[in-house]
Amino acid sequence: MKTSKKSKLERGGWKIGTVQELLGLTDEEAAYVELKLALSRALRQRRQKHKVTQVQLAKKIGSSQSRVAKMEAGDPSVSIDLLIRSLIALGATPEAVARSIRSAK
């Protein structure tokens, strides 16, 4: 956010902070959320790169299209295990999965 905009908002009584502060997450919880989001982004990118539909991926992993959509959207009900298994089903190597994890902020 631009400094001028931030200053204007603060003068108006708004408090500027992070999502972590807003939700009251610990550093560990925030890191976990970022890791899941990085894996979700990697899954969508890999699926699209390989021109695989959500339905095709769902069949490949024995799940449903709606579950794949939730995985790609970073839904909190999706396990990291399922994200990683889905990446592997799309041909991701352990190194590729590690790169995805490293991209988490």
N, C-alpha and C. Protein backbone atom coordinates (compact mmCIF):
# COMPACT_ATOMS: atom_id res chain seq x y z
N MET A 1 0.85 -1.16 0.00
CA MET A 1 0.00 0.00 0.00
C MET A 1 0.90 1.23 0.00
N LYS A 2 0.48 2.22 -0.77
CA LYS A 2 1.24 3.46 -0.83
C LYS A 2 1.22 4.14 0.53
N THR A 3 2.35 4.77 0.86
CA THR A 3 2.47 5.46 2.15
C THR A 3 1.42 6.54 2.30
N SER A 4 1.15 7.28 1.23
CA SER A 4 0.16 8.37 1.31
C SER A 4 -1.24 7.82 1.61
N LYS A 5 -1.59 6.72 0.98
CA LYS A 5 -2.91 6.13 1.23
C LYS A 5 -2.99 5.60 2.65
N LYS A 6 -1.91 4.95 3.11
CA LYS A 6 -1.87 4.42 4.47
C LYS A 6 -2.04 5.56 5.48
N SER A 7 -1.32 6.66 5.27
CA SER A 7 -1.41 7.81 6.18
C SER A 7 -2.83 8.37 6.21
N LYS A 8 -3.44 8.49 5.04
CA LYS A 8 -4.80 9.02 4.95
C LYS A 8 -5.78 8.13 5.71
N LEU A 9 -5.66 6.80 5.55
CA LEU A 9 -6.53 5.89 6.27
C LEU A 9 -6.33 5.98 7.77
N GLU A 10 -5.07 6.05 8.20
CA GLU A 10 -4.79 6.13 9.64
C GLU A 10 -5.32 7.44 10.22
N ARG A 11 -5.23 8.53 9.46
CA ARG A 11 -5.79 9.81 9.93
C ARG A 11 -7.31 9.72 10.05
N GLY A 12 -7.92 8.88 9.24
CA GLY A 12 -9.36 8.67 9.29
C GLY A 12 -9.80 7.71 10.38
N GLY A 13 -8.84 7.23 11.16
CA GLY A 13 -9.18 6.36 12.28
C GLY A 13 -9.05 4.87 11.98
N TRP A 14 -8.61 4.51 10.78
CA TRP A 14 -8.46 3.11 10.44
C TRP A 14 -7.14 2.58 10.97
N LYS A 15 -7.15 1.33 11.39
CA LYS A 15 -5.93 0.67 11.84
C LYS A 15 -5.43 -0.20 10.70
N ILE A 16 -4.18 -0.06 10.38
CA ILE A 16 -3.58 -0.84 9.30
C ILE A 16 -2.77 -1.98 9.93
N GLY A 17 -3.01 -3.19 9.46
CA GLY A 17 -2.29 -4.34 10.00
C GLY A 17 -2.23 -5.47 8.99
N THR A 18 -1.79 -6.59 9.44
CA THR A 18 -1.67 -7.77 8.58
C THR A 18 -2.86 -8.70 8.80
N VAL A 19 -3.03 -9.64 7.90
CA VAL A 19 -4.06 -10.66 8.06
C VAL A 19 -3.78 -11.46 9.32
N GLN A 20 -2.50 -11.73 9.55
CA GLN A 20 -2.11 -12.48 10.75
C GLN A 20 -2.58 -11.77 12.01
N GLU A 21 -2.40 -10.46 12.06
CA GLU A 21 -2.84 -9.69 13.22
C GLU A 21 -4.36 -9.67 13.33
N LEU A 22 -5.03 -9.50 12.20
CA LEU A 22 -6.49 -9.44 12.20
C LEU A 22 -7.10 -10.73 12.73
N LEU A 23 -6.54 -11.87 12.28
CA LEU A 23 -7.09 -13.17 12.68
C LEU A 23 -6.49 -13.70 13.98
N GLY A 24 -5.48 -13.02 14.49
CA GLY A 24 -4.85 -13.45 15.73
C GLY A 24 -4.09 -14.75 15.58
N LEU A 25 -3.44 -14.93 14.43
CA LEU A 25 -2.70 -16.16 14.18
C LEU A 25 -1.30 -16.09 14.78
N THR A 26 -0.84 -17.22 15.27
CA THR A 26 0.55 -17.30 15.70
C THR A 26 1.42 -17.36 14.45
N ASP A 27 2.72 -17.20 14.62
CA ASP A 27 3.64 -17.30 13.49
C ASP A 27 3.53 -18.69 12.84
N GLU A 28 3.38 -19.71 13.67
CA GLU A 28 3.28 -21.08 13.17
C GLU A 28 2.00 -21.28 12.36
N GLU A 29 0.89 -20.74 12.86
CA GLU A 29 -0.37 -20.86 12.14
C GLU A 29 -0.32 -20.11 10.81
N ALA A 30 0.26 -18.94 10.81
CA ALA A 30 0.38 -18.16 9.58
C ALA A 30 1.26 -18.89 8.56
N ALA A 31 2.35 -19.49 9.02
CA ALA A 31 3.24 -20.23 8.13
C ALA A 31 2.50 -21.44 7.53
N TYR A 32 1.70 -22.10 8.33
CA TYR A 32 0.92 -23.26 7.87
C TYR A 32 -0.07 -22.84 6.78
N VAL A 33 -0.76 -21.74 7.01
CA VAL A 33 -1.72 -21.23 6.02
C VAL A 33 -1.00 -20.89 4.73
N GLU A 34 0.13 -20.22 4.81
CA GLU A 34 0.89 -19.85 3.61
C GLU A 34 1.37 -21.10 2.86
N LEU A 35 1.77 -22.11 3.60
CA LEU A 35 2.22 -23.36 2.97
C LEU A 35 1.08 -24.02 2.20
N LYS A 36 -0.10 -24.10 2.80
CA LYS A 36 -1.24 -24.69 2.12
C LYS A 36 -1.63 -23.89 0.89
N LEU A 37 -1.57 -22.57 0.99
CA LEU A 37 -1.91 -21.74 -0.16
C LEU A 37 -0.90 -21.91 -1.29
N ALA A 38 0.37 -22.05 -0.95
CA ALA A 38 1.40 -22.27 -1.97
C ALA A 38 1.17 -23.59 -2.69
N LEU A 39 0.81 -24.63 -1.95
CA LEU A 39 0.52 -25.93 -2.57
C LEU A 39 -0.74 -25.86 -3.43
N SER A 40 -1.74 -25.10 -2.98
CA SER A 40 -2.97 -24.94 -3.76
C SER A 40 -2.69 -24.24 -5.08
N ARG A 41 -1.88 -23.18 -5.03
CA ARG A 41 -1.51 -22.47 -6.26
C ARG A 41 -0.74 -23.38 -7.20
N ALA A 42 0.18 -24.14 -6.65
CA ALA A 42 0.99 -25.05 -7.46
C ALA A 42 0.12 -26.10 -8.13
N LEU A 43 -0.87 -26.60 -7.42
CA LEU A 43 -1.77 -27.60 -7.98
C LEU A 43 -2.53 -27.03 -9.17
N ARG A 44 -3.11 -25.87 -8.99
CA ARG A 44 -3.87 -25.26 -10.09
C ARG A 44 -2.97 -25.01 -11.30
N GLN A 45 -1.79 -24.45 -11.05
CA GLN A 45 -0.86 -24.16 -12.15
C GLN A 45 -0.46 -25.43 -12.89
N ARG A 46 -0.14 -26.47 -12.15
CA ARG A 46 0.30 -27.72 -12.77
C ARG A 46 -0.86 -28.36 -13.55
N ARG A 47 -2.04 -28.34 -12.98
CA ARG A 47 -3.21 -28.93 -13.65
C ARG A 47 -3.48 -28.19 -14.96
N GLN A 48 -3.45 -26.87 -14.91
CA GLN A 48 -3.72 -26.09 -16.11
C GLN A 48 -2.60 -26.25 -17.15
N LYS A 49 -1.36 -26.29 -16.69
CA LYS A 49 -0.22 -26.45 -17.59
C LYS A 49 -0.33 -27.76 -18.37
N HIS A 50 -0.80 -28.80 -17.70
CA HIS A 50 -0.93 -30.12 -18.34
C HIS A 50 -2.29 -30.32 -19.01
N LYS A 51 -3.08 -29.23 -19.04
CA LYS A 51 -4.40 -29.25 -19.70
C LYS A 51 -5.29 -30.39 -19.19
N VAL A 52 -5.32 -30.51 -17.88
CA VAL A 52 -6.15 -31.50 -17.21
C VAL A 52 -7.31 -30.74 -16.56
N THR A 53 -8.53 -31.24 -16.75
CA THR A 53 -9.68 -30.58 -16.12
C THR A 53 -9.76 -31.01 -14.65
N GLN A 54 -10.56 -30.28 -13.91
CA GLN A 54 -10.78 -30.66 -12.51
C GLN A 54 -11.45 -32.03 -12.43
N VAL A 55 -12.33 -32.31 -13.35
CA VAL A 55 -13.02 -33.61 -13.37
C VAL A 55 -12.01 -34.73 -13.64
N GLN A 56 -11.11 -34.52 -14.60
CA GLN A 56 -10.11 -35.53 -14.91
C GLN A 56 -9.19 -35.77 -13.71
N LEU A 57 -8.77 -34.70 -13.05
CA LEU A 57 -7.92 -34.85 -11.87
C LEU A 57 -8.67 -35.58 -10.77
N ALA A 58 -9.92 -35.22 -10.58
CA ALA A 58 -10.73 -35.88 -9.54
C ALA A 58 -10.79 -37.39 -9.76
N LYS A 59 -11.01 -37.81 -11.01
CA LYS A 59 -11.05 -39.24 -11.32
C LYS A 59 -9.70 -39.89 -11.03
N LYS A 60 -8.65 -39.18 -11.36
CA LYS A 60 -7.30 -39.72 -11.17
C LYS A 60 -6.98 -39.97 -9.70
N ILE A 61 -7.49 -39.11 -8.82
CA ILE A 61 -7.17 -39.23 -7.39
C ILE A 61 -8.32 -39.86 -6.59
N GLY A 62 -9.38 -40.26 -7.28
CA GLY A 62 -10.51 -40.90 -6.61
C GLY A 62 -11.31 -39.94 -5.75
N SER A 63 -11.54 -38.75 -6.28
CA SER A 63 -12.26 -37.72 -5.54
C SER A 63 -13.32 -37.10 -6.44
N SER A 64 -13.82 -35.95 -6.06
CA SER A 64 -14.85 -35.27 -6.84
C SER A 64 -14.31 -33.94 -7.39
N GLN A 65 -14.98 -33.44 -8.42
CA GLN A 65 -14.59 -32.16 -9.00
C GLN A 65 -14.70 -31.05 -7.96
N SER A 66 -15.73 -31.09 -7.14
CA SER A 66 -15.90 -30.04 -6.14
C SER A 66 -14.76 -30.06 -5.12
N ARG A 67 -14.25 -31.24 -4.82
CA ARG A 67 -13.12 -31.34 -3.89
C ARG A 67 -11.87 -30.75 -4.53
N VAL A 68 -11.66 -31.00 -5.81
CA VAL A 68 -10.52 -30.41 -6.52
C VAL A 68 -10.64 -28.89 -6.51
N ALA A 69 -11.85 -28.37 -6.74
CA ALA A 69 -12.06 -26.93 -6.70
C ALA A 69 -11.72 -26.37 -5.32
N LYS A 70 -12.11 -27.08 -4.27
CA LYS A 70 -11.77 -26.65 -2.91
C LYS A 70 -10.27 -26.68 -2.68
N MET A 71 -9.61 -27.69 -3.23
CA MET A 71 -8.16 -27.79 -3.09
C MET A 71 -7.48 -26.58 -3.72
N GLU A 72 -7.93 -26.22 -4.91
CA GLU A 72 -7.33 -25.10 -5.62
C GLU A 72 -7.68 -23.76 -5.00
N ALA A 73 -8.78 -23.70 -4.28
CA ALA A 73 -9.20 -22.46 -3.64
C ALA A 73 -8.58 -22.28 -2.25
N GLY A 74 -7.83 -23.28 -1.80
CA GLY A 74 -7.20 -23.18 -0.48
C GLY A 74 -8.17 -23.39 0.66
N ASP A 75 -9.22 -24.14 0.43
CA ASP A 75 -10.22 -24.40 1.47
C ASP A 75 -9.54 -25.04 2.68
N PRO A 76 -9.84 -24.55 3.88
CA PRO A 76 -9.19 -25.09 5.08
C PRO A 76 -9.52 -26.55 5.38
N SER A 77 -10.57 -27.09 4.78
CA SER A 77 -10.92 -28.48 5.05
C SER A 77 -10.04 -29.47 4.27
N VAL A 78 -9.24 -28.96 3.34
CA VAL A 78 -8.39 -29.81 2.51
C VAL A 78 -7.07 -30.06 3.24
N SER A 79 -6.65 -31.31 3.28
CA SER A 79 -5.40 -31.65 3.97
C SER A 79 -4.19 -31.42 3.07
N ILE A 80 -3.07 -31.17 3.69
CA ILE A 80 -1.82 -31.03 2.96
C ILE A 80 -1.50 -32.35 2.26
N ASP A 81 -1.84 -33.45 2.90
CA ASP A 81 -1.63 -34.77 2.32
C ASP A 81 -2.32 -34.89 0.97
N LEU A 82 -3.57 -34.47 0.88
CA LEU A 82 -4.32 -34.55 -0.37
C LEU A 82 -3.72 -33.63 -1.43
N LEU A 83 -3.29 -32.45 -1.02
CA LEU A 83 -2.66 -31.53 -1.97
C LEU A 83 -1.39 -32.15 -2.57
N ILE A 84 -0.57 -32.73 -1.72
CA ILE A 84 0.68 -33.32 -2.20
C ILE A 84 0.41 -34.55 -3.05
N ARG A 85 -0.52 -35.41 -2.63
CA ARG A 85 -0.86 -36.58 -3.44
C ARG A 85 -1.38 -36.18 -4.81
N SER A 86 -2.14 -35.10 -4.88
CA SER A 86 -2.68 -34.62 -6.15
C SER A 86 -1.58 -34.07 -7.05
N LEU A 87 -0.64 -33.35 -6.45
CA LEU A 87 0.50 -32.86 -7.23
C LEU A 87 1.29 -34.03 -7.81
N ILE A 88 1.52 -35.04 -7.01
CA ILE A 88 2.26 -36.23 -7.47
C ILE A 88 1.48 -36.94 -8.57
N ALA A 89 0.15 -37.00 -8.44
CA ALA A 89 -0.68 -37.63 -9.48
C ALA A 89 -0.56 -36.88 -10.81
N LEU A 90 -0.24 -35.60 -10.73
CA LEU A 90 -0.05 -34.80 -11.95
C LEU A 90 1.40 -34.82 -12.42
N GLY A 91 2.22 -35.68 -11.80
CA GLY A 91 3.60 -35.84 -12.25
C GLY A 91 4.64 -35.01 -11.53
N ALA A 92 4.25 -34.35 -10.46
CA ALA A 92 5.21 -33.54 -9.71
C ALA A 92 6.23 -34.44 -9.02
N THR A 93 7.47 -34.06 -9.08
CA THR A 93 8.54 -34.77 -8.37
C THR A 93 8.63 -34.21 -6.95
N PRO A 94 9.30 -34.93 -6.07
CA PRO A 94 9.51 -34.37 -4.73
C PRO A 94 10.20 -32.99 -4.78
N GLU A 95 11.09 -32.82 -5.73
CA GLU A 95 11.78 -31.53 -5.87
C GLU A 95 10.80 -30.43 -6.27
N ALA A 96 9.85 -30.75 -7.15
CA ALA A 96 8.85 -29.76 -7.57
C ALA A 96 7.94 -29.40 -6.41
N VAL A 97 7.57 -30.39 -5.60
CA VAL A 97 6.75 -30.11 -4.42
C VAL A 97 7.52 -29.23 -3.45
N ALA A 98 8.80 -29.52 -3.27
CA ALA A 98 9.64 -28.72 -2.37
C ALA A 98 9.72 -27.28 -2.88
N ARG A 99 9.85 -27.09 -4.20
CA ARG A 99 9.90 -25.73 -4.74
C ARG A 99 8.60 -24.99 -4.45
N SER A 100 7.49 -25.69 -4.54
CA SER A 100 6.20 -25.08 -4.24
C SER A 100 6.14 -24.64 -2.79
N ILE A 101 6.64 -25.49 -1.91
CA ILE A 101 6.65 -25.17 -0.48
C ILE A 101 7.56 -23.98 -0.20
N ARG A 102 8.70 -23.95 -0.87
CA ARG A 102 9.63 -22.82 -0.68
C ARG A 102 9.03 -21.51 -1.13
N SER A 103 8.06 -21.56 -2.05
CA SER A 103 7.46 -20.31 -2.54
C SER A 103 6.52 -19.69 -1.51
N ALA A 104 6.19 -20.43 -0.45
CA ALA A 104 5.32 -19.88 0.60
C ALA A 104 6.05 -18.74 1.29
N LYS A 105 5.32 -17.68 1.55
CA LYS A 105 5.93 -16.48 2.16
C LYS A 105 6.07 -16.62 3.64
